[in-house]
Amino acid sequence: MQKHGFIVINRIKPCFCIATVQAENIALCFRPAMWYSVKEFSTVYSAGIAEKKMPETGILDEERYVMGKKLLFIVNPKAGMGKIRQSILGITDIFTRHGYEVLLHPTQSAGDAIEKTIEYADQMDLIVCSGGDGTLDEVVTGLMLKESKTPIGYIPAGSTNDFANSLFMPKDPLLLAENIMQENIYRCDVGRFNNKTFAYVAAFGLFTDVSYNTPQDMKNILGHLAYVMEGARKLFDIRSYPLRVRADDIEIEGDFIYGMVTNSRSVGGFKTLTHNVDMDDGLFEVTLIEMPKNPLELQQIVTALMMAEDNIDLIHSFKTGRITFEAEELIPWTLDGEYGGSYRLAEVENRHQALSLYLTSRHRKTPGQEE
């Protein structure tokens, strides 16, 4: 059973807010209001539940306030160090002042953002998500499952934020909210992994389980350093996977300790080996690392990765729009930093410009410039 409460928030421009409460989950719906509406209010309703109580002034009459476009704002309040909580009201105020009716949903569990995106995608003019790359992945997955063309905005709030950094998004969440309101569409590629979706990376092997095996509390306290510390432990437990890899006219067989298919300029905070990355060109950047035979070769691999240079035979890097991995054993994969399942056969395809992203800060190269 849903209950409704009402509150007026008088900031730069007054807005009318409906709070919808179901059990312990709270969603807020902010609607633009006319100036005279605030003057007519003699009292401000508390945030507590007022069993469908309507003010006698008739201010809630649909004909007496301006209805705007609809926006679903999905927030992971636990992402990063929880700093996004300090900006939620300011961000919502920006959306409301630009004429949006905002439904705010704090995620409650893993997969929650997928469910809410599927539920509301066709009812919204815009979906904005704030959290880490995993939150973004869930929203993108929901849109692809729904086959919805609804555009999204992204306000990064995680520990690493590879996707946002690859698109040169500003760090200030309020500035990002203003940029989203400019409503400039950037059509971004999305990955299909067997029957699943990923926003920017599918990977297997060394270090790839670090993001989902690192405790959230550790991430919140140490930020990106938590990934580095967890990853350092993996150096003493290197294993390889015999694989056959096929992509276009490329076929490679070998024992690989690591492989990733990306649509990003960085993964885990480190730059990818492939330069001139465009996230809307229909091509993935692929990196494969073979098993080193001795400590010297391992050191060469580490140096190449730190320097973001593909200059040794044990590392393969190339671009492709479609790639297949065949293995004799089940291999665990990571999709956008979350566990994506274990497979003997993985078919990865680029869905060219399948995602409509509101973005105004994307860096553009000058001719001849490398990223």
Protein backbone atom coordinates (compact mmCIF):
# COMPACT_ATOMS: atom_id res chain seq x y z
CA MET A 1 0.00 0.00 0.00
CA GLN A 2 1.44 3.38 -1.01
CA LYS A 3 0.99 6.49 1.07
CA HIS A 4 1.48 10.08 0.05
CA GLY A 5 2.86 13.08 1.90
CA PHE A 6 3.33 16.63 0.68
CA ILE A 7 6.04 19.23 1.21
CA VAL A 8 6.97 22.56 -0.34
CA ILE A 9 10.69 23.29 -0.75
CA ASN A 10 11.33 26.99 -1.25
CA ARG A 11 14.83 27.40 -2.73
CA ILE A 12 15.94 29.47 -5.72
CA LYS A 13 12.60 28.71 -7.37
CA PRO A 14 9.81 27.10 -5.36
CA CYS A 15 8.83 23.58 -6.23
CA PHE A 16 6.11 21.22 -5.15
CA CYS A 17 7.11 17.79 -3.90
CA ILE A 18 5.16 14.57 -3.56
CA ALA A 19 6.79 11.90 -1.39
CA THR A 20 5.73 8.38 -2.23
CA VAL A 21 6.51 5.86 0.49
CA GLN A 22 6.27 2.09 0.24
CA ALA A 23 7.47 0.11 3.28
CA GLU A 24 10.85 1.63 4.16
CA ASN A 25 11.72 2.67 0.61
CA ILE A 26 11.24 6.36 -0.06
CA ALA A 27 10.96 7.97 -3.48
CA LEU A 28 10.49 11.71 -3.92
CA CYS A 29 8.70 13.32 -6.83
CA PHE A 30 9.57 17.00 -7.38
CA ARG A 31 7.28 19.08 -9.58
CA PRO A 32 7.73 22.68 -10.74
CA ALA A 33 5.17 25.05 -9.21
CA MET A 34 3.97 28.55 -9.99
CA TRP A 35 5.07 31.39 -7.71
CA TYR A 36 1.49 32.09 -6.59
CA SER A 37 1.24 28.52 -5.32
CA VAL A 38 3.78 29.22 -2.57
CA LYS A 39 1.98 32.43 -1.56
CA GLU A 40 -1.24 30.49 -1.13
CA PHE A 41 0.38 28.10 1.34
CA SER A 42 -0.11 29.19 4.95
CA THR A 43 1.87 26.25 6.28
CA VAL A 44 4.58 23.95 4.99
CA TYR A 45 3.78 20.30 5.23
CA SER A 46 6.28 18.18 7.12
CA ALA A 47 8.08 15.33 5.40
CA GLY A 48 6.02 12.85 7.42
CA ILE A 49 3.18 10.98 5.83
CA ALA A 50 -0.16 12.83 5.61
CA GLU A 51 -2.65 10.18 4.55
CA LYS A 52 -3.55 11.69 1.16
CA LYS A 53 -4.41 14.96 2.90
CA MET A 54 -5.09 17.71 0.39
CA PRO A 55 -4.67 21.39 1.28
CA GLU A 56 -7.93 23.34 1.39
CA THR A 57 -6.45 26.04 -0.89
CA GLY A 58 -6.77 23.65 -3.82
CA ILE A 59 -3.12 24.11 -4.72
CA LEU A 60 -2.86 20.50 -5.83
CA ASP A 61 -5.41 21.02 -8.56
CA GLU A 62 -3.71 19.79 -11.76
CA GLU A 63 -4.85 22.92 -13.61
CA ARG A 64 -3.12 25.27 -11.20
CA TYR A 65 0.50 24.27 -11.52
CA VAL A 66 2.78 23.65 -14.46
CA MET A 67 3.54 20.03 -15.30
CA GLY A 68 7.03 19.50 -16.71
CA LYS A 69 8.83 16.69 -18.47
CA LYS A 70 9.47 13.58 -16.39
CA LEU A 71 12.87 12.53 -15.06
CA LEU A 72 13.83 9.39 -13.11
CA PHE A 73 16.82 10.06 -10.84
CA ILE A 74 18.40 6.79 -9.65
CA VAL A 75 21.00 7.22 -6.89
CA ASN A 76 23.28 4.69 -5.21
CA PRO A 77 23.78 6.40 -1.83
CA LYS A 78 26.53 3.94 -0.84
CA ALA A 79 28.74 4.52 -3.89
CA GLY A 80 32.20 6.00 -3.40
CA MET A 81 32.37 7.49 0.06
CA GLY A 82 28.70 8.45 0.10
CA LYS A 83 29.49 12.05 -0.85
CA ILE A 84 26.68 12.19 -3.39
CA ARG A 85 24.19 12.41 -0.50
CA GLN A 86 25.36 15.97 0.13
CA SER A 87 24.43 17.00 -3.42
CA ILE A 88 21.12 15.23 -3.99
CA LEU A 89 18.91 18.20 -3.06
CA GLY A 90 21.02 20.63 -5.11
CA ILE A 91 20.96 18.32 -8.14
CA THR A 92 17.20 17.81 -7.85
CA ASP A 93 16.72 21.55 -7.55
CA ILE A 94 18.60 22.07 -10.83
CA PHE A 95 16.47 19.47 -12.62
CA THR A 96 13.27 21.01 -11.22
CA ARG A 97 14.23 24.56 -12.22
CA HIS A 98 14.67 23.28 -15.77
CA GLY A 99 11.07 22.12 -15.87
CA TYR A 100 11.40 18.45 -14.97
CA GLU A 101 9.13 16.49 -12.69
CA VAL A 102 11.70 14.39 -10.81
CA LEU A 103 11.17 10.93 -9.36
CA LEU A 104 14.08 10.20 -7.00
CA HIS A 105 14.87 6.57 -6.25
CA PRO A 106 17.72 5.50 -3.92
CA THR A 107 18.81 1.96 -4.86
CA GLN A 108 18.06 -0.68 -2.25
CA SER A 109 20.02 -3.70 -3.48
CA ALA A 110 21.98 -5.14 -6.40
CA GLY A 111 19.81 -5.20 -9.53
CA ASP A 112 17.41 -2.58 -8.18
CA ALA A 113 18.44 0.00 -10.80
CA ILE A 114 17.75 -2.53 -13.58
CA GLU A 115 14.23 -3.13 -12.28
CA LYS A 116 13.42 0.57 -11.85
CA THR A 117 14.79 1.42 -15.29
CA ILE A 118 12.66 -1.27 -16.93
CA GLU A 119 9.60 -0.18 -14.93
CA TYR A 120 9.84 3.54 -15.73
CA ALA A 121 11.82 3.80 -19.00
CA ASP A 122 8.83 4.36 -21.26
CA GLN A 123 7.21 6.80 -18.81
CA MET A 124 10.22 9.14 -18.58
CA ASP A 125 11.73 11.77 -20.85
CA LEU A 126 15.13 11.31 -19.17
CA ILE A 127 16.81 8.91 -16.74
CA VAL A 128 19.75 10.20 -14.67
CA CYS A 129 21.82 7.85 -12.53
CA SER A 130 24.41 8.62 -9.89
CA GLY A 131 26.74 6.02 -8.44
CA GLY A 132 29.68 3.95 -9.55
CA ASP A 133 30.20 2.19 -12.86
CA GLY A 134 28.09 -0.71 -11.56
CA THR A 135 25.08 1.60 -11.15
CA LEU A 136 25.58 2.90 -14.67
CA ASP A 137 25.81 -0.69 -15.93
CA GLU A 138 22.45 -1.54 -14.35
CA VAL A 139 20.69 1.44 -15.90
CA VAL A 140 22.16 0.73 -19.35
CA THR A 141 21.23 -2.96 -18.98
CA GLY A 142 17.65 -2.00 -18.09
CA LEU A 143 17.38 0.25 -21.15
CA MET A 144 18.74 -2.44 -23.48
CA LEU A 145 16.42 -5.11 -22.03
CA LYS A 146 13.48 -2.74 -22.44
CA GLU A 147 14.74 -1.74 -25.90
CA SER A 148 14.10 1.84 -24.84
CA LYS A 149 15.53 4.91 -26.56
CA THR A 150 15.10 7.10 -23.48
CA PRO A 151 18.28 9.22 -23.04
CA ILE A 152 20.30 9.06 -19.85
CA GLY A 153 22.49 11.39 -17.84
CA TYR A 154 25.31 10.16 -15.61
CA ILE A 155 26.67 11.76 -12.44
CA PRO A 156 29.63 9.59 -11.31
CA ALA A 157 29.97 8.96 -7.58
CA GLY A 158 32.06 5.78 -7.41
CA SER A 159 35.64 5.06 -6.41
CA THR A 160 37.17 4.92 -9.90
CA ASN A 161 34.60 6.16 -12.48
CA ASP A 162 36.37 4.92 -15.63
CA PHE A 163 33.43 5.64 -17.91
CA ALA A 164 33.08 9.24 -16.76
CA ASN A 165 36.82 9.87 -16.94
CA SER A 166 36.91 8.49 -20.47
CA LEU A 167 34.35 11.11 -21.49
CA PHE A 168 36.14 13.89 -19.59
CA MET A 169 33.16 14.64 -17.39
CA PRO A 170 33.66 17.34 -14.75
CA LYS A 171 34.05 16.24 -11.12
CA ASP A 172 31.50 18.69 -9.69
CA PRO A 173 28.08 16.94 -9.52
CA LEU A 174 26.16 20.22 -9.66
CA LEU A 175 28.05 21.30 -12.77
CA LEU A 176 27.33 17.90 -14.29
CA ALA A 177 23.63 18.32 -13.52
CA GLU A 178 23.64 21.69 -15.30
CA ASN A 179 25.45 20.11 -18.26
CA ILE A 180 22.86 17.35 -18.49
CA MET A 181 20.13 20.00 -18.61
CA GLN A 182 21.64 21.37 -21.81
CA GLU A 183 20.27 18.18 -23.38
CA ASN A 184 23.02 17.68 -25.96
CA ILE A 185 22.89 14.07 -27.16
CA TYR A 186 26.05 11.98 -27.52
CA ARG A 187 25.37 8.54 -28.97
CA CYS A 188 27.67 6.06 -27.26
CA ASP A 189 28.49 2.47 -28.14
CA VAL A 190 27.33 -0.31 -25.82
CA GLY A 191 28.62 -3.88 -25.51
CA ARG A 192 26.65 -7.10 -25.83
CA PHE A 193 28.22 -10.06 -24.01
CA ASN A 194 26.34 -13.27 -24.94
CA ASN A 195 22.86 -12.31 -23.70
CA LYS A 196 24.05 -9.58 -21.33
CA THR A 197 24.94 -5.89 -21.64
CA PHE A 198 27.95 -3.89 -20.51
CA ALA A 199 28.65 -0.18 -20.74
CA TYR A 200 32.41 -0.09 -21.15
CA VAL A 201 34.38 -3.25 -20.16
CA ALA A 202 34.17 -7.04 -20.21
CA ALA A 203 37.24 -8.75 -18.75
CA PHE A 204 38.64 -12.01 -17.38
CA GLY A 205 41.74 -13.11 -15.54
CA LEU A 206 44.18 -11.38 -13.21
CA PHE A 207 42.74 -8.54 -11.09
CA THR A 208 39.30 -8.65 -12.74
CA ASP A 209 37.53 -9.85 -9.59
CA VAL A 210 39.08 -7.08 -7.51
CA SER A 211 36.21 -4.61 -7.88
CA TYR A 212 33.47 -6.99 -6.75
CA ASN A 213 35.61 -8.77 -4.13
CA THR A 214 36.75 -5.53 -2.48
CA PRO A 215 34.41 -4.80 0.47
CA GLN A 216 32.27 -1.66 0.04
CA ASP A 217 33.41 -0.33 3.43
CA MET A 218 37.03 -0.61 2.30
CA LYS A 219 36.19 1.23 -0.93
CA ASN A 220 34.46 3.99 1.03
CA ILE A 221 37.41 4.46 3.37
CA LEU A 222 40.32 4.11 0.92
CA GLY A 223 38.74 4.93 -2.44
CA HIS A 224 40.85 3.89 -5.46
CA LEU A 225 43.67 2.70 -3.16
CA ALA A 226 41.40 -0.13 -2.01
CA TYR A 227 41.50 -1.61 -5.52
CA VAL A 228 45.28 -1.32 -5.67
CA MET A 229 45.70 -3.09 -2.32
CA GLU A 230 43.30 -5.88 -3.22
CA GLY A 231 44.93 -6.27 -6.64
CA ALA A 232 48.44 -6.52 -5.16
CA ARG A 233 47.40 -9.72 -3.39
CA LYS A 234 46.58 -11.32 -6.75
CA LEU A 235 50.18 -11.08 -7.96
CA PHE A 236 50.97 -14.14 -5.86
CA ASP A 237 48.15 -16.21 -7.36
CA ILE A 238 48.51 -15.94 -11.15
CA ARG A 239 46.69 -18.52 -13.26
CA SER A 240 46.21 -18.79 -17.00
CA TYR A 241 43.35 -19.83 -19.30
CA PRO A 242 43.92 -21.73 -22.59
CA LEU A 243 41.89 -19.82 -25.18
CA ARG A 244 41.18 -19.45 -28.87
CA VAL A 245 40.32 -15.86 -29.77
CA ARG A 246 38.76 -14.84 -33.08
CA ALA A 247 38.07 -11.32 -34.32
CA ASP A 248 37.70 -10.27 -37.96
CA ASP A 249 40.80 -11.70 -39.68
CA ILE A 250 42.63 -12.23 -36.36
CA GLU A 251 42.95 -15.64 -34.69
CA ILE A 252 45.10 -16.16 -31.59
CA GLU A 253 45.60 -19.26 -29.44
CA GLY A 254 47.49 -19.29 -26.17
CA ASP A 255 47.47 -19.32 -22.38
CA PHE A 256 46.23 -15.94 -21.19
CA ILE A 257 46.39 -14.46 -17.70
CA TYR A 258 44.26 -11.47 -18.64
CA GLY A 259 41.92 -10.26 -21.33
CA MET A 260 39.61 -7.28 -21.71
CA VAL A 261 37.25 -5.86 -24.28
CA THR A 262 36.71 -2.17 -23.62
CA ASN A 263 35.01 0.96 -24.83
CA SER A 264 36.99 3.22 -22.53
CA ARG A 265 40.22 5.15 -22.19
CA SER A 266 40.96 3.65 -18.78
CA VAL A 267 40.09 0.60 -16.71
CA GLY A 268 40.60 0.50 -12.96
CA GLY A 269 42.08 3.98 -13.18
CA PHE A 270 44.84 2.88 -15.58
CA LYS A 271 44.98 3.91 -19.24
CA THR A 272 44.28 1.26 -21.88
CA LEU A 273 47.02 0.29 -24.34
CA THR A 274 45.04 1.26 -27.44
CA HIS A 275 45.30 4.93 -28.37
CA ASN A 276 42.89 7.16 -30.32
CA VAL A 277 39.88 5.76 -28.48
CA ASP A 278 36.45 6.94 -29.63
CA MET A 279 33.46 5.65 -27.69
CA ASP A 280 31.08 6.06 -30.63
CA ASP A 281 33.06 4.46 -33.48
CA GLY A 282 31.55 0.96 -33.36
CA LEU A 283 34.86 -0.59 -32.30
CA PHE A 284 36.11 -2.14 -29.07
CA GLU A 285 39.68 -1.91 -27.80
CA VAL A 286 40.98 -5.41 -26.99
CA THR A 287 43.95 -6.29 -24.77
CA LEU A 288 45.18 -9.87 -24.22
CA ILE A 289 48.13 -10.84 -22.02
CA GLU A 290 49.84 -14.22 -22.29
CA MET A 291 51.26 -16.15 -19.35
CA PRO A 292 54.86 -15.04 -18.57
CA LYS A 293 57.46 -17.82 -18.40
CA ASN A 294 59.66 -16.17 -15.79
CA PRO A 295 59.84 -13.16 -13.41
CA LEU A 296 61.63 -11.06 -16.05
CA GLU A 297 58.75 -11.43 -18.50
CA LEU A 298 56.29 -10.62 -15.72
CA GLN A 299 58.25 -7.44 -15.00
CA GLN A 300 58.13 -6.52 -18.69
CA ILE A 301 54.36 -6.94 -18.69
CA VAL A 302 53.92 -4.78 -15.59
CA THR A 303 56.16 -2.06 -17.04
CA ALA A 304 54.25 -2.06 -20.35
CA LEU A 305 50.92 -1.73 -18.54
CA MET A 306 52.17 1.06 -16.29
CA MET A 307 53.53 2.95 -19.29
CA ALA A 308 50.42 2.16 -21.39
CA GLU A 309 52.62 0.81 -24.18
CA ASP A 310 52.13 -2.36 -26.22
CA ASN A 311 55.77 -3.10 -26.98
CA ILE A 312 56.26 -6.76 -26.04
CA ASP A 313 55.18 -10.00 -27.73
CA LEU A 314 53.25 -11.23 -24.70
CA ILE A 315 50.66 -8.44 -25.08
CA HIS A 316 48.17 -8.30 -27.95
CA SER A 317 46.09 -5.17 -28.51
CA PHE A 318 43.78 -4.33 -31.41
CA LYS A 319 40.37 -2.91 -32.34
CA THR A 320 37.31 -4.85 -33.46
CA GLY A 321 33.53 -4.68 -33.52
CA ARG A 322 33.02 -8.36 -32.73
CA ILE A 323 35.13 -10.97 -30.92
CA THR A 324 34.72 -14.58 -29.78
CA PHE A 325 36.49 -16.40 -26.92
CA GLU A 326 36.49 -20.22 -26.82
CA ALA A 327 37.80 -22.13 -23.79
CA GLU A 328 37.81 -25.72 -22.55
CA GLU A 329 36.90 -24.68 -19.00
CA LEU A 330 34.51 -22.18 -17.46
CA ILE A 331 36.09 -18.73 -17.24
CA PRO A 332 34.69 -16.10 -14.83
CA TRP A 333 34.06 -12.72 -16.46
CA THR A 334 33.62 -9.23 -15.05
CA LEU A 335 31.20 -6.79 -16.70
CA ASP A 336 31.68 -3.14 -15.69
CA GLY A 337 33.33 -4.19 -12.45
CA GLU A 338 30.63 -6.68 -11.41
CA TYR A 339 30.63 -10.47 -11.69
CA GLY A 340 29.10 -11.36 -15.07
CA GLY A 341 29.07 -15.17 -14.92
CA SER A 342 31.37 -18.01 -16.05
CA TYR A 343 31.45 -19.24 -19.66
CA ARG A 344 33.28 -21.56 -22.04
CA LEU A 345 32.08 -19.53 -25.02
CA ALA A 346 31.85 -15.74 -24.94
CA GLU A 347 30.63 -13.77 -27.94
CA VAL A 348 31.07 -10.01 -27.63
CA GLU A 349 29.51 -7.54 -30.04
CA ASN A 350 29.59 -3.75 -30.29
CA ARG A 351 26.13 -2.17 -30.41
CA HIS A 352 27.06 0.93 -32.36
CA GLN A 353 25.70 4.16 -30.79
CA ALA A 354 22.95 2.24 -28.98
CA LEU A 355 22.98 4.56 -25.93
CA SER A 356 21.77 8.17 -26.00
CA LEU A 357 23.72 10.11 -23.37
CA TYR A 358 23.18 13.75 -22.41
CA LEU A 359 26.73 15.08 -22.47
CA THR A 360 28.22 18.51 -23.11
CA SER A 361 31.75 18.07 -21.76
CA ARG A 362 33.15 15.43 -24.12
CA HIS A 363 36.74 16.23 -25.10
CA ARG A 364 37.32 16.32 -28.83
CA LYS A 365 40.71 15.68 -30.37
CA THR A 366 42.42 18.09 -32.66
CA PRO A 367 43.67 16.57 -35.95
CA GLY A 368 46.66 14.31 -35.39
CA GLN A 369 46.30 14.37 -31.60
CA GLU A 370 46.45 11.11 -29.64
CA GLU A 371 44.59 10.52 -26.42
